[in-house]
Amino acid sequence: MNSEFTELPAEELAPEPPQQGRGDRIARRILIPLAVVALVLGVGYVFFSPLRVQGDSMEPNLHDADRILRDKHAGVAKRGAIVLLDMGTPSTADDIVKRVIAVAGDTVEVVDD
């Protein structure tokens, strides 16, 4: 039994890659950046929240209408740190911005001049 085999070039044996339509390319160019933006904003929302300073009690560091980000997972505040205190009731969401002047174990003396 005499059989002859014909060798085929590798290009003919390999399957052709699927062709992407124009709609697929546009979808990828739009959906991937949108997914990245959504992920960044989602992570930012979990860890931070934007606030606007009201009043001038923190000048010269923070001025009225300045925007700041609250770190929702901050640890223990150290002396000199700027903190946000929740002074609101369940019906309001009032936060005040203050600087830490003393920590546990410190003594604070208020003197009226």
C-alpha atoms as a PDB file:
ATOM      1  CA  MET A   1       0.000   0.000   0.000  1.00  0.00           C
ATOM      2  CA  ASN A   2       1.624   3.101  -1.206  1.00  0.00           C
ATOM      3  CA  SER A   3       0.257   6.363   0.108  1.00  0.00           C
ATOM      4  CA  GLU A   4       1.577   9.792  -0.393  1.00  0.00           C
ATOM      5  CA  PHE A   5       1.227  12.544   2.125  1.00  0.00           C
ATOM      6  CA  THR A   6       1.222  16.154   1.219  1.00  0.00           C
ATOM      7  CA  GLU A   7       2.638  18.508   3.763  1.00  0.00           C
ATOM      8  CA  LEU A   8       0.539  21.598   4.306  1.00  0.00           C
ATOM      9  CA  PRO A   9       2.013  24.881   5.438  1.00  0.00           C
ATOM     10  CA  ALA A  10       1.316  25.804   9.070  1.00  0.00           C
ATOM     11  CA  GLU A  11      -0.784  28.785   7.968  1.00  0.00           C
ATOM     12  CA  GLU A  12      -3.343  26.474   6.415  1.00  0.00           C
ATOM     13  CA  LEU A  13      -3.584  24.270   9.520  1.00  0.00           C
ATOM     14  CA  ALA A  14      -4.034  27.026  12.098  1.00  0.00           C
ATOM     15  CA  PRO A  15      -7.568  28.306  12.617  1.00  0.00           C
ATOM     16  CA  GLU A  16      -8.167  31.859  11.592  1.00  0.00           C
ATOM     17  CA  PRO A  17      -8.567  34.319  14.449  1.00  0.00           C
ATOM     18  CA  PRO A  18     -12.095  35.654  14.737  1.00  0.00           C
ATOM     19  CA  GLN A  19     -12.527  38.990  13.061  1.00  0.00           C
ATOM     20  CA  GLN A  20     -13.678  41.803  15.284  1.00  0.00           C
ATOM     21  CA  GLY A  21     -16.439  43.905  13.949  1.00  0.00           C
ATOM     22  CA  ARG A  22     -16.421  47.661  14.161  1.00  0.00           C
ATOM     23  CA  GLY A  23     -19.007  47.537  16.942  1.00  0.00           C
ATOM     24  CA  ASP A  24     -16.770  45.279  19.057  1.00  0.00           C
ATOM     25  CA  ARG A  25     -13.841  47.677  18.781  1.00  0.00           C
ATOM     26  CA  ILE A  26     -16.003  50.666  19.688  1.00  0.00           C
ATOM     27  CA  ALA A  27     -17.531  48.797  22.616  1.00  0.00           C
ATOM     28  CA  ARG A  28     -14.078  47.937  23.952  1.00  0.00           C
ATOM     29  CA  ARG A  29     -12.872  51.510  23.570  1.00  0.00           C
ATOM     30  CA  ILE A  30     -15.869  52.763  25.539  1.00  0.00           C
ATOM     31  CA  LEU A  31     -16.588  49.981  28.018  1.00  0.00           C
ATOM     32  CA  ILE A  32     -13.065  49.397  29.292  1.00  0.00           C
ATOM     33  CA  PRO A  33     -12.435  53.079  30.223  1.00  0.00           C
ATOM     34  CA  LEU A  34     -15.925  53.299  31.753  1.00  0.00           C
ATOM     35  CA  ALA A  35     -15.245  50.184  33.829  1.00  0.00           C
ATOM     36  CA  VAL A  36     -11.938  51.644  35.025  1.00  0.00           C
ATOM     37  CA  VAL A  37     -13.587  54.942  35.992  1.00  0.00           C
ATOM     38  CA  ALA A  38     -16.391  53.105  37.807  1.00  0.00           C
ATOM     39  CA  LEU A  39     -13.858  51.012  39.709  1.00  0.00           C
ATOM     40  CA  VAL A  40     -11.803  54.039  40.740  1.00  0.00           C
ATOM     41  CA  LEU A  41     -14.889  55.971  41.851  1.00  0.00           C
ATOM     42  CA  GLY A  42     -16.255  52.942  43.685  1.00  0.00           C
ATOM     43  CA  VAL A  43     -13.032  52.426  45.620  1.00  0.00           C
ATOM     44  CA  GLY A  44     -12.843  56.144  46.314  1.00  0.00           C
ATOM     45  CA  TYR A  45     -16.398  56.156  47.671  1.00  0.00           C
ATOM     46  CA  VAL A  46     -15.617  53.272  50.031  1.00  0.00           C
ATOM     47  CA  PHE A  47     -12.528  54.965  51.513  1.00  0.00           C
ATOM     48  CA  PHE A  48     -13.167  58.694  51.112  1.00  0.00           C
ATOM     49  CA  SER A  49     -16.004  61.202  51.076  1.00  0.00           C
ATOM     50  CA  PRO A  50     -15.808  64.814  49.875  1.00  0.00           C
ATOM     51  CA  LEU A  51     -16.729  67.671  52.211  1.00  0.00           C
ATOM     52  CA  ARG A  52     -16.856  71.440  51.942  1.00  0.00           C
ATOM     53  CA  VAL A  53     -15.482  73.626  54.737  1.00  0.00           C
ATOM     54  CA  GLN A  54     -18.005  76.105  56.120  1.00  0.00           C
ATOM     55  CA  GLY A  55     -16.736  79.029  58.131  1.00  0.00           C
ATOM     56  CA  ASP A  56     -13.330  80.499  58.874  1.00  0.00           C
ATOM     57  CA  SER A  57     -12.408  78.894  62.198  1.00  0.00           C
ATOM     58  CA  MET A  58      -9.587  76.850  60.615  1.00  0.00           C
ATOM     59  CA  GLU A  59      -7.854  79.758  58.829  1.00  0.00           C
ATOM     60  CA  PRO A  60      -5.080  80.137  57.677  1.00  0.00           C
ATOM     61  CA  ASN A  61      -4.966  76.409  56.789  1.00  0.00           C
ATOM     62  CA  LEU A  62      -8.521  75.876  55.585  1.00  0.00           C
ATOM     63  CA  HIS A  63     -10.739  78.622  54.220  1.00  0.00           C
ATOM     64  CA  ASP A  64     -14.499  78.909  53.805  1.00  0.00           C
ATOM     65  CA  ALA A  65     -15.720  76.815  50.844  1.00  0.00           C
ATOM     66  CA  ASP A  66     -12.478  74.769  50.613  1.00  0.00           C
ATOM     67  CA  ARG A  67     -13.035  71.168  49.605  1.00  0.00           C
ATOM     68  CA  ILE A  68     -11.476  68.326  51.555  1.00  0.00           C
ATOM     69  CA  LEU A  69     -11.616  64.518  51.508  1.00  0.00           C
ATOM     70  CA  ARG A  70     -12.544  62.577  54.610  1.00  0.00           C
ATOM     71  CA  ASP A  71     -10.624  59.337  55.168  1.00  0.00           C
ATOM     72  CA  LYS A  72     -13.367  56.992  56.347  1.00  0.00           C
ATOM     73  CA  HIS A  73     -10.881  54.464  57.702  1.00  0.00           C
ATOM     74  CA  ALA A  74      -8.459  56.756  59.517  1.00  0.00           C
ATOM     75  CA  GLY A  75      -6.883  55.500  62.707  1.00  0.00           C
ATOM     76  CA  VAL A  76      -6.318  57.317  65.972  1.00  0.00           C
ATOM     77  CA  ALA A  77      -5.805  61.055  65.530  1.00  0.00           C
ATOM     78  CA  LYS A  78      -2.449  62.472  66.594  1.00  0.00           C
ATOM     79  CA  ARG A  79      -1.750  65.890  68.067  1.00  0.00           C
ATOM     80  CA  GLY A  80      -1.910  68.528  65.315  1.00  0.00           C
ATOM     81  CA  ALA A  81      -4.074  66.435  62.983  1.00  0.00           C
ATOM     82  CA  ILE A  82      -7.163  67.906  61.342  1.00  0.00           C
ATOM     83  CA  VAL A  83     -10.255  65.869  62.199  1.00  0.00           C
ATOM     84  CA  LEU A  84     -13.933  65.910  61.306  1.00  0.00           C
ATOM     85  CA  LEU A  85     -16.417  65.594  64.136  1.00  0.00           C
ATOM     86  CA  ASP A  86     -19.937  64.372  63.442  1.00  0.00           C
ATOM     87  CA  MET A  87     -22.186  66.827  65.258  1.00  0.00           C
ATOM     88  CA  GLY A  88     -25.344  66.008  63.359  1.00  0.00           C
ATOM     89  CA  THR A  89     -28.477  64.321  64.461  1.00  0.00           C
ATOM     90  CA  PRO A  90     -30.083  61.504  62.485  1.00  0.00           C
ATOM     91  CA  SER A  91     -32.017  64.129  60.506  1.00  0.00           C
ATOM     92  CA  THR A  92     -28.947  66.293  59.717  1.00  0.00           C
ATOM     93  CA  ALA A  93     -25.402  65.561  58.675  1.00  0.00           C
ATOM     94  CA  ASP A  94     -23.387  68.367  60.228  1.00  0.00           C
ATOM     95  CA  ASP A  95     -19.644  67.825  60.470  1.00  0.00           C
ATOM     96  CA  ILE A  96     -17.220  70.296  61.989  1.00  0.00           C
ATOM     97  CA  VAL A  97     -13.545  70.570  61.139  1.00  0.00           C
ATOM     98  CA  LYS A  98     -11.113  70.994  64.047  1.00  0.00           C
ATOM     99  CA  ARG A  99      -7.466  70.465  64.919  1.00  0.00           C
ATOM    100  CA  VAL A 100      -6.426  68.010  67.649  1.00  0.00           C
ATOM    101  CA  ILE A 101      -4.687  69.939  70.456  1.00  0.00           C
ATOM    102  CA  ALA A 102      -4.451  67.137  73.021  1.00  0.00           C
ATOM    103  CA  VAL A 103      -4.547  63.350  73.135  1.00  0.00           C
ATOM    104  CA  ALA A 104      -5.292  60.863  75.895  1.00  0.00           C
ATOM    105  CA  GLY A 105      -3.192  61.632  78.974  1.00  0.00           C
ATOM    106  CA  ASP A 106      -2.604  65.319  78.114  1.00  0.00           C
ATOM    107  CA  THR A 107      -3.842  68.132  80.349  1.00  0.00           C
ATOM    108  CA  VAL A 108      -5.535  71.112  78.760  1.00  0.00           C
ATOM    109  CA  GLU A 109      -5.832  74.380  80.591  1.00  0.00           C
ATOM    110  CA  VAL A 110      -8.257  77.070  79.384  1.00  0.00           C
ATOM    111  CA  VAL A 111      -7.182  80.583  80.353  1.00  0.00           C
ATOM    112  CA  ASP A 112      -9.442  83.597  79.914  1.00  0.00           C
ATOM    113  CA  ASP A 113      -7.315  86.636  79.038  1.00  0.00           C
END
